[in-house]
Amino acid sequence: MIDKEYTVFTINWDAIEVTEKCIDSLNETIDRRHTNLVVIDNGSDDKNDILRLKYLLELGRIDVLILHSKHVGFSCAFNDAMLRVSGKIICEINNDCVVEKEWFDRAIDSFKNGKKVGAVCSSVREDRNFKKTDDEEVEALHGAAIFIDRQAWLDVGPFDSKNFSPAYAEEADWCFRALRKGYKLIRCGSSFVFHVGSYTAKKKYSHFYINSLRLTNRIKCRVYNWPIKRFYTKRAYLVREYKKAKSHDTLHILMYAYLKNLLILPFSMRERSRRFRKKMIGIRHVGKPEIILFSDSRHHGS
């Protein structure tokens, strides 16, 4: 891999039909002379996905292809990629995203507009009704298009793949940990990304599994990170969550998620203590990828 100033990576899992659209939009909007474009295949079963990604590598449409021999979950694949890619700022973009013009440069600019900015996210929507706004300091970033300062990553530590595997709420947990370290988190109001939303998960898992996992991990993240007072001040939010579940006929899934968290509450309180004492979290090691392939950089003039 050529050592460039930035890296953008995306993770594919049997979804080449959207991953390739994402790659096309990235090539139209980032300067490949200064930015590595990396794809991680997270154990695709369909060999056509691998063949197509290798072809895109040969064409120079991507710089590096990392292949896992088995599916290791999103959070583990994310952590592994962060260990292997170069750059002072690293961006992960979900493979079911299409980026808009200047999304990358504007997000990078957000790092320059404040002190100790640890991470930035784009303005992400599941429609294209984008409206430019000012940058906003937030407590949680949208994980579909997230830019992380490498030094902040090394300081805060990786995603908690042990407790949030295979996916959901790992980025919110990381954000709370970053805030405790004194980092600022910025939502860039002029960097726009269109996101289909859970495209791969919907191909692989049932509606019940996806929603129960999302809610279970979301509640777990609150238990780990919210101060006691926040449960009281956010009671209106919790009521809205209940009403939304009831109106969408998913109240049973919400109750299931709360029950799961209740059963592991003693363990969760230990994890909570670790976070408030700013201790390093645990990760699940997945071993080395099966193979890492590199593009001939001459394809894109680097």
C-alpha atoms as a PDB file:
ATOM      1  CA  MET A   1       0.000   0.000   0.000  1.00  0.00           C
ATOM      2  CA  ILE A   2       1.328   3.444  -0.920  1.00  0.00           C
ATOM      3  CA  ASP A   3       1.577   5.649   2.166  1.00  0.00           C
ATOM      4  CA  LYS A   4      -0.873   8.446   1.407  1.00  0.00           C
ATOM      5  CA  GLU A   5      -2.323  11.208   3.548  1.00  0.00           C
ATOM      6  CA  TYR A   6      -5.798   9.650   3.764  1.00  0.00           C
ATOM      7  CA  THR A   7      -7.545   6.299   3.371  1.00  0.00           C
ATOM      8  CA  VAL A   8     -11.165   5.520   2.546  1.00  0.00           C
ATOM      9  CA  PHE A   9     -12.340   1.953   3.056  1.00  0.00           C
ATOM     10  CA  THR A  10     -15.576   0.037   2.695  1.00  0.00           C
ATOM     11  CA  ILE A  11     -16.600  -3.471   3.729  1.00  0.00           C
ATOM     12  CA  ASN A  12     -18.321  -5.890   1.339  1.00  0.00           C
ATOM     13  CA  TRP A  13     -20.220  -9.046   2.246  1.00  0.00           C
ATOM     14  CA  ASP A  14     -22.071 -10.681  -0.640  1.00  0.00           C
ATOM     15  CA  ALA A  15     -23.322  -7.299  -1.859  1.00  0.00           C
ATOM     16  CA  ILE A  16     -21.139  -6.456  -4.837  1.00  0.00           C
ATOM     17  CA  GLU A  17     -24.140  -4.900  -6.605  1.00  0.00           C
ATOM     18  CA  VAL A  18     -24.157  -1.963  -4.170  1.00  0.00           C
ATOM     19  CA  THR A  19     -20.459  -2.041  -3.275  1.00  0.00           C
ATOM     20  CA  GLU A  20     -19.497  -1.373  -6.882  1.00  0.00           C
ATOM     21  CA  LYS A  21     -21.842   1.636  -7.039  1.00  0.00           C
ATOM     22  CA  CYS A  22     -20.223   2.929  -3.867  1.00  0.00           C
ATOM     23  CA  ILE A  23     -16.749   2.456  -5.366  1.00  0.00           C
ATOM     24  CA  ASP A  24     -17.803   4.299  -8.530  1.00  0.00           C
ATOM     25  CA  SER A  25     -19.070   7.275  -6.538  1.00  0.00           C
ATOM     26  CA  LEU A  26     -15.878   7.337  -4.446  1.00  0.00           C
ATOM     27  CA  ASN A  27     -13.701   7.397  -7.561  1.00  0.00           C
ATOM     28  CA  GLU A  28     -15.685  10.356  -8.857  1.00  0.00           C
ATOM     29  CA  THR A  29     -15.241  12.404  -5.678  1.00  0.00           C
ATOM     30  CA  ILE A  30     -11.866  11.705  -4.030  1.00  0.00           C
ATOM     31  CA  ASP A  31      -8.346  12.557  -5.160  1.00  0.00           C
ATOM     32  CA  ARG A  32      -6.665   9.177  -5.494  1.00  0.00           C
ATOM     33  CA  ARG A  33      -3.227  10.815  -5.579  1.00  0.00           C
ATOM     34  CA  HIS A  34      -3.582  11.581  -1.867  1.00  0.00           C
ATOM     35  CA  THR A  35      -6.132   8.976  -0.772  1.00  0.00           C
ATOM     36  CA  ASN A  36      -5.938   5.185  -0.730  1.00  0.00           C
ATOM     37  CA  LEU A  37      -9.178   3.388  -1.603  1.00  0.00           C
ATOM     38  CA  VAL A  38      -9.430   0.036   0.193  1.00  0.00           C
ATOM     39  CA  VAL A  39     -12.089  -2.685   0.084  1.00  0.00           C
ATOM     40  CA  ILE A  40     -12.406  -5.395   2.734  1.00  0.00           C
ATOM     41  CA  ASP A  41     -14.328  -8.485   1.725  1.00  0.00           C
ATOM     42  CA  ASN A  42     -15.811  -9.880   4.908  1.00  0.00           C
ATOM     43  CA  GLY A  43     -15.994 -13.558   3.939  1.00  0.00           C
ATOM     44  CA  SER A  44     -18.356 -13.440   0.947  1.00  0.00           C
ATOM     45  CA  ASP A  45     -19.867 -16.794   0.010  1.00  0.00           C
ATOM     46  CA  ASP A  46     -20.516 -15.722  -3.582  1.00  0.00           C
ATOM     47  CA  LYS A  47     -17.221 -16.121  -5.439  1.00  0.00           C
ATOM     48  CA  ASN A  48     -18.472 -13.680  -8.070  1.00  0.00           C
ATOM     49  CA  ASP A  49     -18.046 -10.938  -5.461  1.00  0.00           C
ATOM     50  CA  ILE A  50     -14.361 -11.854  -5.092  1.00  0.00           C
ATOM     51  CA  LEU A  51     -13.805 -12.095  -8.833  1.00  0.00           C
ATOM     52  CA  ARG A  52     -15.425  -8.723  -9.433  1.00  0.00           C
ATOM     53  CA  LEU A  53     -13.408  -7.050  -6.674  1.00  0.00           C
ATOM     54  CA  LYS A  54     -10.186  -8.500  -8.060  1.00  0.00           C
ATOM     55  CA  TYR A  55     -11.131  -7.155 -11.478  1.00  0.00           C
ATOM     56  CA  LEU A  56     -11.721  -3.669 -10.010  1.00  0.00           C
ATOM     57  CA  LEU A  57      -8.314  -3.949  -8.332  1.00  0.00           C
ATOM     58  CA  GLU A  58      -6.695  -4.816 -11.669  1.00  0.00           C
ATOM     59  CA  LEU A  59      -8.376  -1.785 -13.246  1.00  0.00           C
ATOM     60  CA  GLY A  60      -6.982   0.440 -10.520  1.00  0.00           C
ATOM     61  CA  ARG A  61     -10.447   1.365  -9.251  1.00  0.00           C
ATOM     62  CA  ILE A  62      -9.280   0.373  -5.770  1.00  0.00           C
ATOM     63  CA  ASP A  63      -5.780   0.343  -4.258  1.00  0.00           C
ATOM     64  CA  VAL A  64      -5.971  -2.544  -1.806  1.00  0.00           C
ATOM     65  CA  LEU A  65      -8.242  -5.574  -1.462  1.00  0.00           C
ATOM     66  CA  ILE A  66      -8.283  -7.371   1.890  1.00  0.00           C
ATOM     67  CA  LEU A  67      -9.961 -10.780   1.840  1.00  0.00           C
ATOM     68  CA  HIS A  68     -11.217 -12.560   4.957  1.00  0.00           C
ATOM     69  CA  SER A  69     -11.744 -16.288   4.536  1.00  0.00           C
ATOM     70  CA  LYS A  70     -14.810 -16.176   6.805  1.00  0.00           C
ATOM     71  CA  HIS A  71     -17.280 -13.579   7.993  1.00  0.00           C
ATOM     72  CA  VAL A  72     -15.958 -11.891  11.153  1.00  0.00           C
ATOM     73  CA  GLY A  73     -18.662  -9.268  11.732  1.00  0.00           C
ATOM     74  CA  PHE A  74     -18.581  -5.563  10.977  1.00  0.00           C
ATOM     75  CA  SER A  75     -16.851  -4.346  14.135  1.00  0.00           C
ATOM     76  CA  CYS A  76     -14.020  -6.888  13.861  1.00  0.00           C
ATOM     77  CA  ALA A  77     -13.498  -6.156  10.159  1.00  0.00           C
ATOM     78  CA  PHE A  78     -13.463  -2.424  10.956  1.00  0.00           C
ATOM     79  CA  ASN A  79     -10.836  -2.847  13.682  1.00  0.00           C
ATOM     80  CA  ASP A  80      -8.685  -5.037  11.464  1.00  0.00           C
ATOM     81  CA  ALA A  81      -8.829  -2.480   8.642  1.00  0.00           C
ATOM     82  CA  MET A  82      -7.822   0.342  10.984  1.00  0.00           C
ATOM     83  CA  LEU A  83      -4.718  -1.663  11.922  1.00  0.00           C
ATOM     84  CA  ARG A  84      -3.681  -2.198   8.304  1.00  0.00           C
ATOM     85  CA  VAL A  85      -4.458   1.006   6.411  1.00  0.00           C
ATOM     86  CA  SER A  86      -2.344   4.144   6.309  1.00  0.00           C
ATOM     87  CA  GLY A  87      -3.195   7.826   6.608  1.00  0.00           C
ATOM     88  CA  LYS A  88      -3.559  10.513   9.245  1.00  0.00           C
ATOM     89  CA  ILE A  89      -7.355  10.521   8.732  1.00  0.00           C
ATOM     90  CA  ILE A  90      -9.212   7.307   7.863  1.00  0.00           C
ATOM     91  CA  CYS A  91     -12.769   7.187   6.550  1.00  0.00           C
ATOM     92  CA  GLU A  92     -15.095   4.194   6.645  1.00  0.00           C
ATOM     93  CA  ILE A  93     -18.036   4.422   4.266  1.00  0.00           C
ATOM     94  CA  ASN A  94     -20.788   1.809   4.339  1.00  0.00           C
ATOM     95  CA  ASN A  95     -20.946  -0.139   1.100  1.00  0.00           C
ATOM     96  CA  ASP A  96     -24.615   0.767   0.553  1.00  0.00           C
ATOM     97  CA  CYS A  97     -23.772   4.478   0.346  1.00  0.00           C
ATOM     98  CA  VAL A  98     -23.414   6.803  -2.618  1.00  0.00           C
ATOM     99  CA  VAL A  99     -21.508   9.978  -1.891  1.00  0.00           C
ATOM    100  CA  GLU A 100     -22.313  13.450  -3.180  1.00  0.00           C
ATOM    101  CA  LYS A 101     -19.923  15.988  -4.719  1.00  0.00           C
ATOM    102  CA  GLU A 102     -17.236  17.394  -2.385  1.00  0.00           C
ATOM    103  CA  TRP A 103     -18.402  15.203   0.513  1.00  0.00           C
ATOM    104  CA  PHE A 104     -14.828  14.167   1.278  1.00  0.00           C
ATOM    105  CA  ASP A 105     -13.068  17.541   1.127  1.00  0.00           C
ATOM    106  CA  ARG A 106     -15.731  19.228   3.223  1.00  0.00           C
ATOM    107  CA  ALA A 107     -15.518  16.577   5.940  1.00  0.00           C
ATOM    108  CA  ILE A 108     -11.722  16.881   5.991  1.00  0.00           C
ATOM    109  CA  ASP A 109     -12.087  20.660   6.371  1.00  0.00           C
ATOM    110  CA  SER A 110     -14.165  20.072   9.507  1.00  0.00           C
ATOM    111  CA  PHE A 111     -11.067  18.706  11.242  1.00  0.00           C
ATOM    112  CA  LYS A 112      -9.321  22.034  10.644  1.00  0.00           C
ATOM    113  CA  ASN A 113     -12.070  24.200  12.123  1.00  0.00           C
ATOM    114  CA  GLY A 114     -11.669  23.179  15.750  1.00  0.00           C
ATOM    115  CA  LYS A 115      -9.161  21.971  18.321  1.00  0.00           C
ATOM    116  CA  LYS A 116      -8.830  18.287  19.220  1.00  0.00           C
ATOM    117  CA  VAL A 117     -11.416  17.052  16.702  1.00  0.00           C
ATOM    118  CA  GLY A 118     -11.278  13.281  17.029  1.00  0.00           C
ATOM    119  CA  ALA A 119     -13.816  12.287  14.397  1.00  0.00           C
ATOM    120  CA  VAL A 120     -16.253  13.715  11.855  1.00  0.00           C
ATOM    121  CA  CYS A 121     -19.277  12.239  10.125  1.00  0.00           C
ATOM    122  CA  SER A 122     -21.066  13.274   6.962  1.00  0.00           C
ATOM    123  CA  SER A 123     -24.708  14.278   6.884  1.00  0.00           C
ATOM    124  CA  VAL A 124     -26.300  10.927   6.043  1.00  0.00           C
ATOM    125  CA  ARG A 125     -29.824  10.459   4.734  1.00  0.00           C
ATOM    126  CA  GLU A 126     -31.900   7.647   3.262  1.00  0.00           C
ATOM    127  CA  ASP A 127     -33.324  10.085   0.718  1.00  0.00           C
ATOM    128  CA  ARG A 128     -31.613  12.836  -1.246  1.00  0.00           C
ATOM    129  CA  ASN A 129     -33.352  15.716   0.478  1.00  0.00           C
ATOM    130  CA  PHE A 130     -30.077  17.321   1.542  1.00  0.00           C
ATOM    131  CA  LYS A 131     -29.943  20.768   3.093  1.00  0.00           C
ATOM    132  CA  LYS A 132     -26.661  22.486   3.857  1.00  0.00           C
ATOM    133  CA  THR A 133     -26.186  23.457   7.494  1.00  0.00           C
ATOM    134  CA  ASP A 134     -23.335  24.612   9.699  1.00  0.00           C
ATOM    135  CA  ASP A 135     -21.035  22.080  11.287  1.00  0.00           C
ATOM    136  CA  GLU A 136     -22.408  20.828  14.587  1.00  0.00           C
ATOM    137  CA  GLU A 137     -20.627  19.446  17.618  1.00  0.00           C
ATOM    138  CA  VAL A 138     -22.420  16.230  18.604  1.00  0.00           C
ATOM    139  CA  GLU A 139     -22.083  13.383  21.098  1.00  0.00           C
ATOM    140  CA  ALA A 140     -22.581  10.559  18.599  1.00  0.00           C
ATOM    141  CA  LEU A 141     -21.662  10.233  14.939  1.00  0.00           C
ATOM    142  CA  HIS A 142     -23.459   8.451  12.112  1.00  0.00           C
ATOM    143  CA  GLY A 143     -21.406   5.346  11.413  1.00  0.00           C
ATOM    144  CA  ALA A 144     -22.321   5.098   7.720  1.00  0.00           C
ATOM    145  CA  ALA A 145     -19.703   7.709   6.774  1.00  0.00           C
ATOM    146  CA  ILE A 146     -17.255   8.353   9.590  1.00  0.00           C
ATOM    147  CA  PHE A 147     -13.804   9.993   9.452  1.00  0.00           C
ATOM    148  CA  ILE A 148     -11.449   9.206  12.339  1.00  0.00           C
ATOM    149  CA  ASP A 149      -8.184  10.908  13.210  1.00  0.00           C
ATOM    150  CA  ARG A 150      -5.571   8.190  13.550  1.00  0.00           C
ATOM    151  CA  GLN A 151      -4.084   9.636  16.723  1.00  0.00           C
ATOM    152  CA  ALA A 152      -7.555   9.773  18.320  1.00  0.00           C
ATOM    153  CA  TRP A 153      -8.121   6.130  17.353  1.00  0.00           C
ATOM    154  CA  LEU A 154      -4.852   5.092  18.966  1.00  0.00           C
ATOM    155  CA  ASP A 155      -5.699   7.103  22.081  1.00  0.00           C
ATOM    156  CA  VAL A 156      -9.344   6.009  22.488  1.00  0.00           C
ATOM    157  CA  GLY A 157      -8.815   2.453  21.305  1.00  0.00           C
ATOM    158  CA  PRO A 158     -10.702   0.272  18.796  1.00  0.00           C
ATOM    159  CA  PHE A 159     -14.385  -0.513  18.523  1.00  0.00           C
ATOM    160  CA  ASP A 160     -15.567  -2.848  21.269  1.00  0.00           C
ATOM    161  CA  SER A 161     -15.936  -5.891  19.047  1.00  0.00           C
ATOM    162  CA  LYS A 162     -16.231  -8.152  22.068  1.00  0.00           C
ATOM    163  CA  ASN A 163     -19.498  -6.616  23.280  1.00  0.00           C
ATOM    164  CA  PHE A 164     -20.951  -5.141  20.074  1.00  0.00           C
ATOM    165  CA  SER A 165     -20.216  -7.887  17.583  1.00  0.00           C
ATOM    166  CA  PRO A 166     -21.263  -8.490  14.890  1.00  0.00           C
ATOM    167  CA  ALA A 167     -22.613  -4.920  14.498  1.00  0.00           C
ATOM    168  CA  TYR A 168     -24.651  -1.940  15.738  1.00  0.00           C
ATOM    169  CA  ALA A 169     -23.864   0.722  18.370  1.00  0.00           C
ATOM    170  CA  GLU A 170     -20.108   0.091  18.299  1.00  0.00           C
ATOM    171  CA  GLU A 171     -19.523   3.564  16.848  1.00  0.00           C
ATOM    172  CA  ALA A 172     -21.779   5.215  19.449  1.00  0.00           C
ATOM    173  CA  ASP A 173     -19.865   3.471  22.231  1.00  0.00           C
ATOM    174  CA  TRP A 174     -16.583   4.664  20.689  1.00  0.00           C
ATOM    175  CA  CYS A 175     -17.936   8.222  20.567  1.00  0.00           C
ATOM    176  CA  PHE A 176     -18.749   8.245  24.289  1.00  0.00           C
ATOM    177  CA  ARG A 177     -15.235   6.973  25.031  1.00  0.00           C
ATOM    178  CA  ALA A 178     -13.719   9.656  22.781  1.00  0.00           C
ATOM    179  CA  LEU A 179     -15.667  12.403  24.549  1.00  0.00           C
ATOM    180  CA  ARG A 180     -14.297  11.221  27.896  1.00  0.00           C
ATOM    181  CA  LYS A 181     -10.810  11.600  26.446  1.00  0.00           C
ATOM    182  CA  GLY A 182     -11.572  15.210  25.586  1.00  0.00           C
ATOM    183  CA  TYR A 183     -12.083  14.835  21.837  1.00  0.00           C
ATOM    184  CA  LYS A 184     -14.696  16.759  19.868  1.00  0.00           C
ATOM    185  CA  LEU A 185     -17.059  15.016  17.448  1.00  0.00           C
ATOM    186  CA  ILE A 186     -18.370  16.978  14.474  1.00  0.00           C
ATOM    187  CA  ARG A 187     -21.254  16.380  12.078  1.00  0.00           C
ATOM    188  CA  CYS A 188     -20.320  18.139   8.845  1.00  0.00           C
ATOM    189  CA  GLY A 189     -23.394  19.958   7.548  1.00  0.00           C
ATOM    190  CA  SER A 190     -22.062  20.291   4.002  1.00  0.00           C
ATOM    191  CA  SER A 191     -20.811  16.728   3.410  1.00  0.00           C
ATOM    192  CA  PHE A 192     -23.686  14.672   1.997  1.00  0.00           C
ATOM    193  CA  VAL A 193     -24.036  10.897   1.709  1.00  0.00           C
ATOM    194  CA  PHE A 194     -27.045   8.912   0.491  1.00  0.00           C
ATOM    195  CA  HIS A 195     -27.466   5.689   2.491  1.00  0.00           C
ATOM    196  CA  VAL A 196     -29.756   2.784   1.584  1.00  0.00           C
ATOM    197  CA  GLY A 197     -29.567   1.444   5.146  1.00  0.00           C
ATOM    198  CA  SER A 198     -28.865  -2.137   6.330  1.00  0.00           C
ATOM    199  CA  TYR A 199     -28.721  -3.449   2.768  1.00  0.00           C
ATOM    200  CA  THR A 200     -26.461  -6.407   3.517  1.00  0.00           C
ATOM    201  CA  ALA A 201     -28.085  -7.200   6.854  1.00  0.00           C
ATOM    202  CA  LYS A 202     -31.505  -7.420   5.187  1.00  0.00           C
ATOM    203  CA  LYS A 203     -30.098  -9.911   2.668  1.00  0.00           C
ATOM    204  CA  LYS A 204     -28.569 -12.077   5.370  1.00  0.00           C
ATOM    205  CA  TYR A 205     -30.824 -11.883   8.424  1.00  0.00           C
ATOM    206  CA  SER A 206     -34.462 -11.850   9.463  1.00  0.00           C
ATOM    207  CA  HIS A 207     -36.327  -8.681  10.408  1.00  0.00           C
ATOM    208  CA  PHE A 208     -36.513  -9.879  14.006  1.00  0.00           C
ATOM    209  CA  TYR A 209     -32.787 -10.582  14.254  1.00  0.00           C
ATOM    210  CA  ILE A 210     -31.730  -7.226  12.761  1.00  0.00           C
ATOM    211  CA  ASN A 211     -34.027  -5.166  14.960  1.00  0.00           C
ATOM    212  CA  SER A 212     -33.409  -7.149  18.132  1.00  0.00           C
ATOM    213  CA  LEU A 213     -29.637  -6.885  17.646  1.00  0.00           C
ATOM    214  CA  ARG A 214     -29.838  -3.152  16.914  1.00  0.00           C
ATOM    215  CA  LEU A 215     -32.026  -2.447  19.956  1.00  0.00           C
ATOM    216  CA  THR A 216     -30.087  -4.765  22.272  1.00  0.00           C
ATOM    217  CA  ASN A 217     -26.799  -3.089  21.427  1.00  0.00           C
ATOM    218  CA  ARG A 218     -28.309   0.395  21.568  1.00  0.00           C
ATOM    219  CA  ILE A 219     -29.609  -0.250  25.096  1.00  0.00           C
ATOM    220  CA  LYS A 220     -26.303  -1.864  26.067  1.00  0.00           C
ATOM    221  CA  CYS A 221     -24.459   1.245  24.881  1.00  0.00           C
ATOM    222  CA  ARG A 222     -26.638   3.415  27.155  1.00  0.00           C
ATOM    223  CA  VAL A 223     -26.015   1.185  30.166  1.00  0.00           C
ATOM    224  CA  TYR A 224     -22.272   1.291  29.505  1.00  0.00           C
ATOM    225  CA  ASN A 225     -22.042   5.040  28.939  1.00  0.00           C
ATOM    226  CA  TRP A 226     -24.944   7.173  30.162  1.00  0.00           C
ATOM    227  CA  PRO A 227     -24.499   8.923  33.522  1.00  0.00           C
ATOM    228  CA  ILE A 228     -27.306   8.024  35.950  1.00  0.00           C
ATOM    229  CA  LYS A 229     -28.811  11.503  35.654  1.00  0.00           C
ATOM    230  CA  ARG A 230     -29.107  11.091  31.887  1.00  0.00           C
ATOM    231  CA  PHE A 231     -31.612   8.247  32.220  1.00  0.00           C
ATOM    232  CA  TYR A 232     -33.883  10.746  33.952  1.00  0.00           C
ATOM    233  CA  THR A 233     -33.291  13.707  31.614  1.00  0.00           C
ATOM    234  CA  LYS A 234     -33.726  11.466  28.560  1.00  0.00           C
ATOM    235  CA  ARG A 235     -36.953   9.882  29.760  1.00  0.00           C
ATOM    236  CA  ALA A 236     -38.911  11.645  26.978  1.00  0.00           C
ATOM    237  CA  TYR A 237     -36.632   9.977  24.427  1.00  0.00           C
ATOM    238  CA  LEU A 238     -37.227   6.584  26.028  1.00  0.00           C
ATOM    239  CA  VAL A 239     -40.988   7.155  25.936  1.00  0.00           C
ATOM    240  CA  ARG A 240     -40.781   8.047  22.230  1.00  0.00           C
ATOM    241  CA  GLU A 241     -38.817   4.868  21.604  1.00  0.00           C
ATOM    242  CA  TYR A 242     -41.567   2.881  23.310  1.00  0.00           C
ATOM    243  CA  LYS A 243     -44.331   4.630  21.339  1.00  0.00           C
ATOM    244  CA  LYS A 244     -42.480   4.147  18.059  1.00  0.00           C
ATOM    245  CA  ALA A 245     -42.080   0.428  18.740  1.00  0.00           C
ATOM    246  CA  LYS A 246     -45.755   0.159  19.604  1.00  0.00           C
ATOM    247  CA  SER A 247     -46.875   1.974  16.446  1.00  0.00           C
ATOM    248  CA  HIS A 248     -44.605  -0.192  14.261  1.00  0.00           C
ATOM    249  CA  ASP A 249     -45.757  -3.407  15.936  1.00  0.00           C
ATOM    250  CA  THR A 250     -42.230  -4.095  17.214  1.00  0.00           C
ATOM    251  CA  LEU A 251     -42.913  -3.669  20.907  1.00  0.00           C
ATOM    252  CA  HIS A 252     -42.164  -7.352  21.486  1.00  0.00           C
ATOM    253  CA  ILE A 253     -38.691  -6.832  19.962  1.00  0.00           C
ATOM    254  CA  LEU A 254     -38.030  -3.846  22.221  1.00  0.00           C
ATOM    255  CA  MET A 255     -39.095  -5.828  25.296  1.00  0.00           C
ATOM    256  CA  TYR A 256     -36.909  -8.722  24.175  1.00  0.00           C
ATOM    257  CA  ALA A 257     -33.926  -6.353  23.894  1.00  0.00           C
ATOM    258  CA  TYR A 258     -34.533  -4.946  27.388  1.00  0.00           C
ATOM    259  CA  LEU A 259     -34.821  -8.464  28.809  1.00  0.00           C
ATOM    260  CA  LYS A 260     -31.530  -9.510  27.224  1.00  0.00           C
ATOM    261  CA  ASN A 261     -29.817  -6.508  28.787  1.00  0.00           C
ATOM    262  CA  LEU A 262     -31.406  -7.206  32.153  1.00  0.00           C
ATOM    263  CA  LEU A 263     -29.972 -10.730  32.134  1.00  0.00           C
ATOM    264  CA  ILE A 264     -26.433  -9.446  31.576  1.00  0.00           C
ATOM    265  CA  LEU A 265     -26.722  -6.407  33.846  1.00  0.00           C
ATOM    266  CA  PRO A 266     -23.966  -7.456  36.336  1.00  0.00           C
ATOM    267  CA  PHE A 267     -21.502  -7.854  33.463  1.00  0.00           C
ATOM    268  CA  SER A 268     -22.675  -4.579  31.894  1.00  0.00           C
ATOM    269  CA  MET A 269     -22.066  -2.715  35.155  1.00  0.00           C
ATOM    270  CA  ARG A 270     -18.463  -3.943  35.122  1.00  0.00           C
ATOM    271  CA  GLU A 271     -18.076  -2.681  31.571  1.00  0.00           C
ATOM    272  CA  ARG A 272     -19.652   0.612  32.628  1.00  0.00           C
ATOM    273  CA  SER A 273     -17.090   0.933  35.409  1.00  0.00           C
ATOM    274  CA  ARG A 274     -14.252   0.340  32.952  1.00  0.00           C
ATOM    275  CA  ARG A 275     -15.486   3.156  30.714  1.00  0.00           C
ATOM    276  CA  PHE A 276     -15.931   5.696  33.471  1.00  0.00           C
ATOM    277  CA  ARG A 277     -12.430   4.837  34.708  1.00  0.00           C
ATOM    278  CA  LYS A 278     -11.219   5.237  31.083  1.00  0.00           C
ATOM    279  CA  LYS A 279      -9.851   1.713  30.954  1.00  0.00           C
ATOM    280  CA  MET A 280      -9.131   0.002  27.659  1.00  0.00           C
ATOM    281  CA  ILE A 281     -12.016  -2.112  26.359  1.00  0.00           C
ATOM    282  CA  GLY A 282     -11.814  -5.692  25.114  1.00  0.00           C
ATOM    283  CA  ILE A 283     -11.721  -6.750  21.492  1.00  0.00           C
ATOM    284  CA  ARG A 284     -12.287 -10.045  19.743  1.00  0.00           C
ATOM    285  CA  HIS A 285      -9.221 -11.072  17.746  1.00  0.00           C
ATOM    286  CA  VAL A 286      -9.988 -12.586  14.361  1.00  0.00           C
ATOM    287  CA  GLY A 287      -6.534 -13.458  13.111  1.00  0.00           C
ATOM    288  CA  LYS A 288      -4.979 -12.362   9.857  1.00  0.00           C
ATOM    289  CA  PRO A 289      -6.991 -12.011   6.635  1.00  0.00           C
ATOM    290  CA  GLU A 290      -6.580 -14.792   4.125  1.00  0.00           C
ATOM    291  CA  ILE A 291      -4.921 -12.520   1.584  1.00  0.00           C
ATOM    292  CA  ILE A 292      -4.137  -8.868   0.922  1.00  0.00           C
ATOM    293  CA  LEU A 293      -3.842  -7.745  -2.702  1.00  0.00           C
ATOM    294  CA  PHE A 294      -2.396  -4.488  -3.997  1.00  0.00           C
ATOM    295  CA  SER A 295      -3.171  -2.607  -7.171  1.00  0.00           C
ATOM    296  CA  ASP A 296      -0.607  -1.472  -9.702  1.00  0.00           C
ATOM    297  CA  SER A 297      -0.719   2.232  -8.769  1.00  0.00           C
ATOM    298  CA  ARG A 298       0.126   3.288 -12.312  1.00  0.00           C
ATOM    299  CA  HIS A 299      -3.554   2.784 -13.219  1.00  0.00           C
ATOM    300  CA  HIS A 300      -4.504   6.000 -11.429  1.00  0.00           C
ATOM    301  CA  GLY A 301      -1.363   8.054 -11.804  1.00  0.00           C
ATOM    302  CA  SER A 302       0.004   7.831  -8.249  1.00  0.00           C
END
